Amino acid sequence: CNGYINKTAVKYWIDEWKVGSFLETPGNHNGRY
């Protein structure tokens, strides 16, 4: 919610769902910059 990387969410998507690819830029999603 502050526009920074959420490492818990990253671990969730990779560890739980084994996601192999991400698309886009954090800036488009209320990123800090």
All heavy atoms as atom14 arrays in JSON, in Angstrom:
{
  "sequence": "CNGYINKTAVKYWIDEWKVGSFLETPGNHNGRY",
  "atom14_mask": [
    [1, 1, 1, 1, 1, 1, 0, 0, 0, 0, 0, 0, 0, 0],
    [1, 1, 1, 1, 1, 1, 1, 1, 0, 0, 0, 0, 0, 0],
    [1, 1, 1, 1, 0, 0, 0, 0, 0, 0, 0, 0, 0, 0],
    [1, 1, 1, 1, 1, 1, 1, 1, 1, 1, 1, 1, 0, 0],
    [1, 1, 1, 1, 1, 1, 1, 1, 0, 0, 0, 0, 0, 0],
    [1, 1, 1, 1, 1, 1, 1, 1, 0, 0, 0, 0, 0, 0],
    [1, 1, 1, 1, 1, 1, 1, 1, 1, 0, 0, 0, 0, 0],
    [1, 1, 1, 1, 1, 1, 1, 0, 0, 0, 0, 0, 0, 0],
    [1, 1, 1, 1, 1, 0, 0, 0, 0, 0, 0, 0, 0, 0],
    [1, 1, 1, 1, 1, 1, 1, 0, 0, 0, 0, 0, 0, 0],
    [1, 1, 1, 1, 1, 1, 1, 1, 1, 0, 0, 0, 0, 0],
    [1, 1, 1, 1, 1, 1, 1, 1, 1, 1, 1, 1, 0, 0],
    [1, 1, 1, 1, 1, 1, 1, 1, 1, 1, 1, 1, 1, 1],
    [1, 1, 1, 1, 1, 1, 1, 1, 0, 0, 0, 0, 0, 0],
    [1, 1, 1, 1, 1, 1, 1, 1, 0, 0, 0, 0, 0, 0],
    [1, 1, 1, 1, 1, 1, 1, 1, 1, 0, 0, 0, 0, 0],
    [1, 1, 1, 1, 1, 1, 1, 1, 1, 1, 1, 1, 1, 1],
    [1, 1, 1, 1, 1, 1, 1, 1, 1, 0, 0, 0, 0, 0],
    [1, 1, 1, 1, 1, 1, 1, 0, 0, 0, 0, 0, 0, 0],
    [1, 1, 1, 1, 0, 0, 0, 0, 0, 0, 0, 0, 0, 0],
    [1, 1, 1, 1, 1, 1, 0, 0, 0, 0, 0, 0, 0, 0],
    [1, 1, 1, 1, 1, 1, 1, 1, 1, 1, 1, 0, 0, 0],
    [1, 1, 1, 1, 1, 1, 1, 1, 0, 0, 0, 0, 0, 0],
    [1, 1, 1, 1, 1, 1, 1, 1, 1, 0, 0, 0, 0, 0],
    [1, 1, 1, 1, 1, 1, 1, 0, 0, 0, 0, 0, 0, 0],
    [1, 1, 1, 1, 1, 1, 1, 0, 0, 0, 0, 0, 0, 0],
    [1, 1, 1, 1, 0, 0, 0, 0, 0, 0, 0, 0, 0, 0],
    [1, 1, 1, 1, 1, 1, 1, 1, 0, 0, 0, 0, 0, 0],
    [1, 1, 1, 1, 1, 1, 1, 1, 1, 1, 0, 0, 0, 0],
    [1, 1, 1, 1, 1, 1, 1, 1, 0, 0, 0, 0, 0, 0],
    [1, 1, 1, 1, 0, 0, 0, 0, 0, 0, 0, 0, 0, 0],
    [1, 1, 1, 1, 1, 1, 1, 1, 1, 1, 1, 0, 0, 0],
    [1, 1, 1, 1, 1, 1, 1, 1, 1, 1, 1, 1, 0, 0]
  ],
  "atom14_positions": [
    [[0.81, -1.22, 0.0], [0.0, 0.0, 0.0], [0.84, 1.27, 0.0], [0.34, 2.36, -0.29], [-0.98, 0.0, 1.17], [-0.19, -0.05, 2.79], [0.0, 0.0, 0.0], [0.0, 0.0, 0.0], [0.0, 0.0, 0.0], [0.0, 0.0, 0.0], [0.0, 0.0, 0.0], [0.0, 0.0, 0.0], [0.0, 0.0, 0.0], [0.0, 0.0, 0.0]],
    [[2.12, 1.17, 0.31], [3.02, 2.33, 0.29], [3.8, 2.43, -1.01], [4.64, 3.31, -1.17], [3.99, 2.28, 1.47], [3.27, 2.4, 2.79], [2.4, 3.26, 2.95], [3.59, 1.53, 3.72], [0.0, 0.0, 0.0], [0.0, 0.0, 0.0], [0.0, 0.0, 0.0], [0.0, 0.0, 0.0], [0.0, 0.0, 0.0], [0.0, 0.0, 0.0]],
    [[3.55, 1.51, -1.94], [4.22, 1.56, -3.23], [5.55, 0.84, -3.28], [6.29, 0.96, -4.24], [0.0, 0.0, 0.0], [0.0, 0.0, 0.0], [0.0, 0.0, 0.0], [0.0, 0.0, 0.0], [0.0, 0.0, 0.0], [0.0, 0.0, 0.0], [0.0, 0.0, 0.0], [0.0, 0.0, 0.0], [0.0, 0.0, 0.0], [0.0, 0.0, 0.0]],
    [[5.87, 0.1, -2.25], [7.12, -0.66, -2.21], [6.85, -2.13, -2.49], [5.71, -2.58, -2.45], [7.8, -0.52, -0.85], [8.3, 0.87, -0.56], [7.67, 1.67, 0.37], [9.41, 1.38, -1.23], [8.13, 2.95, 0.65], [9.88, 2.65, -0.96], [9.23, 3.43, -0.02], [9.69, 4.69, 0.24], [0.0, 0.0, 0.0], [0.0, 0.0, 0.0]],
    [[7.91, -2.88, -2.69], [7.77, -4.32, -2.92], [7.25, -4.99, -1.65], [7.68, -4.69, -0.55], [9.11, -4.95, -3.36], [8.91, -6.4, -3.78], [10.16, -4.83, -2.29], [10.11, -7.01, -4.46], [0.0, 0.0, 0.0], [0.0, 0.0, 0.0], [0.0, 0.0, 0.0], [0.0, 0.0, 0.0], [0.0, 0.0, 0.0], [0.0, 0.0, 0.0]],
    [[6.27, -5.85, -1.83], [5.7, -6.62, -0.74], [6.29, -8.02, -0.82], [5.81, -8.87, -1.59], [4.18, -6.65, -0.86], [3.51, -7.43, 0.25], [4.13, -8.26, 0.91], [2.22, -7.18, 0.44], [0.0, 0.0, 0.0], [0.0, 0.0, 0.0], [0.0, 0.0, 0.0], [0.0, 0.0, 0.0], [0.0, 0.0, 0.0], [0.0, 0.0, 0.0]],
    [[7.35, -8.27, -0.07], [8.06, -9.55, -0.16], [7.19, -10.73, 0.26], [7.34, -11.83, -0.26], [9.35, -9.5, 0.65], [10.36, -8.55, 0.02], [11.67, -8.54, 0.76], [12.62, -7.57, 0.07], [13.93, -7.54, 0.69], [0.0, 0.0, 0.0], [0.0, 0.0, 0.0], [0.0, 0.0, 0.0], [0.0, 0.0, 0.0], [0.0, 0.0, 0.0]],
    [[6.25, -10.48, 1.15], [5.33, -11.54, 1.55], [4.47, -11.96, 0.36], [4.24, -13.15, 0.12], [4.44, -11.09, 2.73], [5.29, -10.71, 3.82], [3.49, -12.19, 3.16], [0.0, 0.0, 0.0], [0.0, 0.0, 0.0], [0.0, 0.0, 0.0], [0.0, 0.0, 0.0], [0.0, 0.0, 0.0], [0.0, 0.0, 0.0], [0.0, 0.0, 0.0]],
    [[4.0, -10.98, -0.4], [3.2, -11.28, -1.59], [4.03, -11.99, -2.65], [3.55, -12.93, -3.29], [2.61, -9.99, -2.16], [0.0, 0.0, 0.0], [0.0, 0.0, 0.0], [0.0, 0.0, 0.0], [0.0, 0.0, 0.0], [0.0, 0.0, 0.0], [0.0, 0.0, 0.0], [0.0, 0.0, 0.0], [0.0, 0.0, 0.0], [0.0, 0.0, 0.0]],
    [[5.27, -11.56, -2.83], [6.15, -12.23, -3.8], [6.32, -13.69, -3.42], [6.17, -14.59, -4.26], [7.53, -11.52, -3.89], [8.46, -12.3, -4.8], [7.39, -10.08, -4.36], [0.0, 0.0, 0.0], [0.0, 0.0, 0.0], [0.0, 0.0, 0.0], [0.0, 0.0, 0.0], [0.0, 0.0, 0.0], [0.0, 0.0, 0.0], [0.0, 0.0, 0.0]],
    [[6.61, -13.94, -2.15], [6.78, -15.33, -1.68], [5.49, -16.13, -1.88], [5.53, -17.29, -2.26], [7.21, -15.35, -0.22], [8.64, -14.91, -0.01], [9.01, -14.9, 1.46], [10.41, -14.32, 1.63], [10.77, -14.18, 3.03], [0.0, 0.0, 0.0], [0.0, 0.0, 0.0], [0.0, 0.0, 0.0], [0.0, 0.0, 0.0], [0.0, 0.0, 0.0]],
    [[4.36, -15.49, -1.6], [3.08, -16.16, -1.78], [2.89, -16.62, -3.22], [2.59, -17.78, -3.48], [1.93, -15.24, -1.36], [0.57, -15.77, -1.74], [-0.03, -16.79, -1.0], [-0.1, -15.26, -2.84], [-1.29, -17.28, -1.36], [-1.35, -15.75, -3.2], [-1.93, -16.76, -2.47], [-3.16, -17.25, -2.83], [0.0, 0.0, 0.0], [0.0, 0.0, 0.0]],
    [[3.05, -15.69, -4.16], [2.81, -16.03, -5.57], [3.81, -17.05, -6.09], [3.46, -17.93, -6.87], [2.82, -14.77, -6.43], [1.59, -13.96, -6.26], [1.48, -12.76, -5.62], [0.28, -14.29, -6.71], [0.17, -12.33, -5.64], [-0.58, -13.26, -6.31], [-0.26, -15.37, -7.4], [-1.94, -13.27, -6.58], [-1.62, -15.38, -7.68], [-2.45, -14.34, -7.26]],
    [[5.05, -16.95, -5.66], [6.07, -17.87, -6.16], [6.03, -19.21, -5.43], [6.1, -20.27, -6.05], [7.47, -17.22, -6.09], [7.54, -16.08, -7.1], [8.56, -18.25, -6.37], [8.79, -15.24, -7.03], [0.0, 0.0, 0.0], [0.0, 0.0, 0.0], [0.0, 0.0, 0.0], [0.0, 0.0, 0.0], [0.0, 0.0, 0.0], [0.0, 0.0, 0.0]],
    [[5.91, -19.16, -4.12], [5.96, -20.41, -3.34], [4.63, -21.17, -3.41], [4.63, -22.38, -3.63], [6.32, -20.09, -1.89], [6.89, -21.28, -1.16], [7.47, -22.17, -1.81], [6.77, -21.33, 0.08], [0.0, 0.0, 0.0], [0.0, 0.0, 0.0], [0.0, 0.0, 0.0], [0.0, 0.0, 0.0], [0.0, 0.0, 0.0], [0.0, 0.0, 0.0]],
    [[3.53, -20.46, -3.26], [2.23, -21.14, -3.24], [1.73, -21.48, -4.65], [1.26, -22.57, -4.91], [1.19, -20.27, -2.52], [-0.22, -20.82, -2.54], [-0.38, -22.15, -1.8], [0.4, -22.42, -0.87], [-1.29, -22.93, -2.16], [0.0, 0.0, 0.0], [0.0, 0.0, 0.0], [0.0, 0.0, 0.0], [0.0, 0.0, 0.0], [0.0, 0.0, 0.0]],
    [[1.83, -20.53, -5.58], [1.26, -20.72, -6.92], [2.3, -21.0, -7.99], [1.96, -21.22, -9.13], [0.39, -19.51, -7.29], [-0.8, -19.44, -6.4], [-1.0, -18.57, -5.36], [-1.93, -20.31, -6.42], [-2.18, -18.85, -4.73], [-2.78, -19.91, -5.38], [-2.31, -21.38, -7.21], [-3.98, -20.55, -5.1], [-3.5, -22.01, -6.95], [-4.33, -21.59, -5.91]],
    [[3.58, -20.94, -7.63], [4.7, -21.29, -8.53], [4.74, -20.42, -9.78], [5.18, -20.83, -10.83], [4.63, -22.77, -8.95], [4.24, -23.76, -7.88], [5.11, -23.71, -6.67], [4.69, -24.8, -5.66], [5.14, -24.54, -4.33], [0.0, 0.0, 0.0], [0.0, 0.0, 0.0], [0.0, 0.0, 0.0], [0.0, 0.0, 0.0], [0.0, 0.0, 0.0]],
    [[4.27, -19.16, -9.66], [4.2, -18.25, -10.79], [5.58, -18.07, -11.42], [6.56, -17.85, -10.73], [3.61, -16.88, -10.35], [3.75, -15.84, -11.44], [2.15, -17.05, -9.96], [0.0, 0.0, 0.0], [0.0, 0.0, 0.0], [0.0, 0.0, 0.0], [0.0, 0.0, 0.0], [0.0, 0.0, 0.0], [0.0, 0.0, 0.0], [0.0, 0.0, 0.0]],
    [[5.63, -18.15, -12.75], [6.9, -18.09, -13.45], [7.15, -16.79, -14.18], [8.24, -16.6, -14.73], [0.0, 0.0, 0.0], [0.0, 0.0, 0.0], [0.0, 0.0, 0.0], [0.0, 0.0, 0.0], [0.0, 0.0, 0.0], [0.0, 0.0, 0.0], [0.0, 0.0, 0.0], [0.0, 0.0, 0.0], [0.0, 0.0, 0.0], [0.0, 0.0, 0.0]],
    [[6.16, -15.88, -14.2], [6.35, -14.66, -14.98], [5.51, -13.52, -14.41], [4.39, -13.72, -13.95], [5.94, -14.92, -16.43], [6.08, -13.77, -17.22], [0.0, 0.0, 0.0], [0.0, 0.0, 0.0], [0.0, 0.0, 0.0], [0.0, 0.0, 0.0], [0.0, 0.0, 0.0], [0.0, 0.0, 0.0], [0.0, 0.0, 0.0], [0.0, 0.0, 0.0]],
    [[6.1, -12.33, -14.47], [5.4, -11.11, -14.05], [5.44, -10.1, -15.2], [6.37, -10.09, -15.99], [6.05, -10.51, -12.8], [5.95, -11.41, -11.61], [7.02, -12.21, -11.23], [4.78, -11.48, -10.88], [6.93, -13.07, -10.14], [4.68, -12.34, -9.79], [5.75, -13.13, -9.42], [0.0, 0.0, 0.0], [0.0, 0.0, 0.0], [0.0, 0.0, 0.0]],
    [[4.42, -9.27, -15.28], [4.29, -8.3, -16.35], [4.03, -6.92, -15.77], [3.26, -6.78, -14.82], [3.11, -8.67, -17.26], [2.69, -7.64, -18.3], [3.77, -7.51, -19.36], [1.37, -8.03, -18.94], [0.0, 0.0, 0.0], [0.0, 0.0, 0.0], [0.0, 0.0, 0.0], [0.0, 0.0, 0.0], [0.0, 0.0, 0.0], [0.0, 0.0, 0.0]],
    [[4.68, -5.92, -16.37], [4.4, -4.52, -16.08], [5.45, -3.89, -15.18], [6.46, -4.47, -14.86], [3.03, -4.33, -15.42], [1.93, -3.89, -16.33], [2.16, -2.62, -17.12], [3.06, -1.81, -16.85], [1.4, -2.43, -18.06], [0.0, 0.0, 0.0], [0.0, 0.0, 0.0], [0.0, 0.0, 0.0], [0.0, 0.0, 0.0], [0.0, 0.0, 0.0]],
    [[5.11, -2.67, -14.75], [5.97, -1.88, -13.89], [5.25, -1.56, -12.59], [4.04, -1.33, -12.59], [6.39, -0.58, -14.59], [7.15, 0.2, -13.67], [5.19, 0.23, -15.04], [0.0, 0.0, 0.0], [0.0, 0.0, 0.0], [0.0, 0.0, 0.0], [0.0, 0.0, 0.0], [0.0, 0.0, 0.0], [0.0, 0.0, 0.0], [0.0, 0.0, 0.0]],
    [[5.96, -1.56, -11.48], [5.32, -1.23, -10.21], [4.73, 0.19, -10.2], [3.76, 0.45, -9.5], [6.46, -1.33, -9.19], [7.53, -2.1, -9.86], [7.36, -1.92, -11.33], [0.0, 0.0, 0.0], [0.0, 0.0, 0.0], [0.0, 0.0, 0.0], [0.0, 0.0, 0.0], [0.0, 0.0, 0.0], [0.0, 0.0, 0.0], [0.0, 0.0, 0.0]],
    [[5.29, 1.09, -10.98], [4.81, 2.47, -11.02], [3.38, 2.6, -11.46], [2.69, 3.55, -11.12], [0.0, 0.0, 0.0], [0.0, 0.0, 0.0], [0.0, 0.0, 0.0], [0.0, 0.0, 0.0], [0.0, 0.0, 0.0], [0.0, 0.0, 0.0], [0.0, 0.0, 0.0], [0.0, 0.0, 0.0], [0.0, 0.0, 0.0], [0.0, 0.0, 0.0]],
    [[2.9, 1.66, -12.26], [1.52, 1.7, -12.74], [0.53, 1.22, -11.69], [-0.67, 1.29, -11.9], [1.35, 0.82, -13.97], [1.72, 1.55, -15.22], [2.08, 2.72, -15.18], [1.68, 0.87, -16.34], [0.0, 0.0, 0.0], [0.0, 0.0, 0.0], [0.0, 0.0, 0.0], [0.0, 0.0, 0.0], [0.0, 0.0, 0.0], [0.0, 0.0, 0.0]],
    [[1.03, 0.73, -10.59], [0.15, 0.13, -9.59], [0.37, 0.81, -8.24], [0.66, 0.16, -7.24], [0.42, -1.37, -9.51], [0.24, -2.02, -10.83], [-0.97, -2.36, -11.35], [1.15, -2.33, -11.8], [-0.82, -2.87, -12.54], [0.46, -2.87, -12.84], [0.0, 0.0, 0.0], [0.0, 0.0, 0.0], [0.0, 0.0, 0.0], [0.0, 0.0, 0.0]],
    [[0.27, 2.12, -8.25], [0.48, 2.93, -7.06], [1.88, 2.75, -6.49], [2.09, 2.8, -5.29], [-0.57, 2.64, -5.99], [-1.96, 2.97, -6.48], [-2.15, 3.99, -7.13], [-2.91, 2.11, -6.21], [0.0, 0.0, 0.0], [0.0, 0.0, 0.0], [0.0, 0.0, 0.0], [0.0, 0.0, 0.0], [0.0, 0.0, 0.0], [0.0, 0.0, 0.0]],
    [[2.83, 2.5, -7.4], [4.22, 2.36, -6.99], [4.74, 3.65, -6.38], [4.19, 4.73, -6.6], [0.0, 0.0, 0.0], [0.0, 0.0, 0.0], [0.0, 0.0, 0.0], [0.0, 0.0, 0.0], [0.0, 0.0, 0.0], [0.0, 0.0, 0.0], [0.0, 0.0, 0.0], [0.0, 0.0, 0.0], [0.0, 0.0, 0.0], [0.0, 0.0, 0.0]],
    [[5.79, 3.54, -5.63], [6.36, 4.7, -4.94], [6.81, 5.78, -5.92], [6.74, 6.96, -5.64], [7.55, 4.22, -4.1], [8.19, 5.29, -3.31], [7.45, 5.49, -2.0], [8.21, 6.38, -1.17], [7.68, 7.43, -0.57], [6.4, 7.68, -0.66], [8.43, 8.21, 0.17], [0.0, 0.0, 0.0], [0.0, 0.0, 0.0], [0.0, 0.0, 0.0]],
    [[7.27, 5.35, -7.09], [7.75, 6.28, -8.12], [6.92, 6.06, -9.37], [6.67, 4.93, -9.76], [9.22, 6.01, -8.43], [10.08, 5.98, -7.19], [10.44, 4.78, -6.6], [10.5, 7.16, -6.58], [11.21, 4.74, -5.45], [11.26, 7.13, -5.42], [11.61, 5.92, -4.86], [12.35, 5.88, -3.72], [0.0, 0.0, 0.0], [0.0, 0.0, 0.0]]
  ]
}
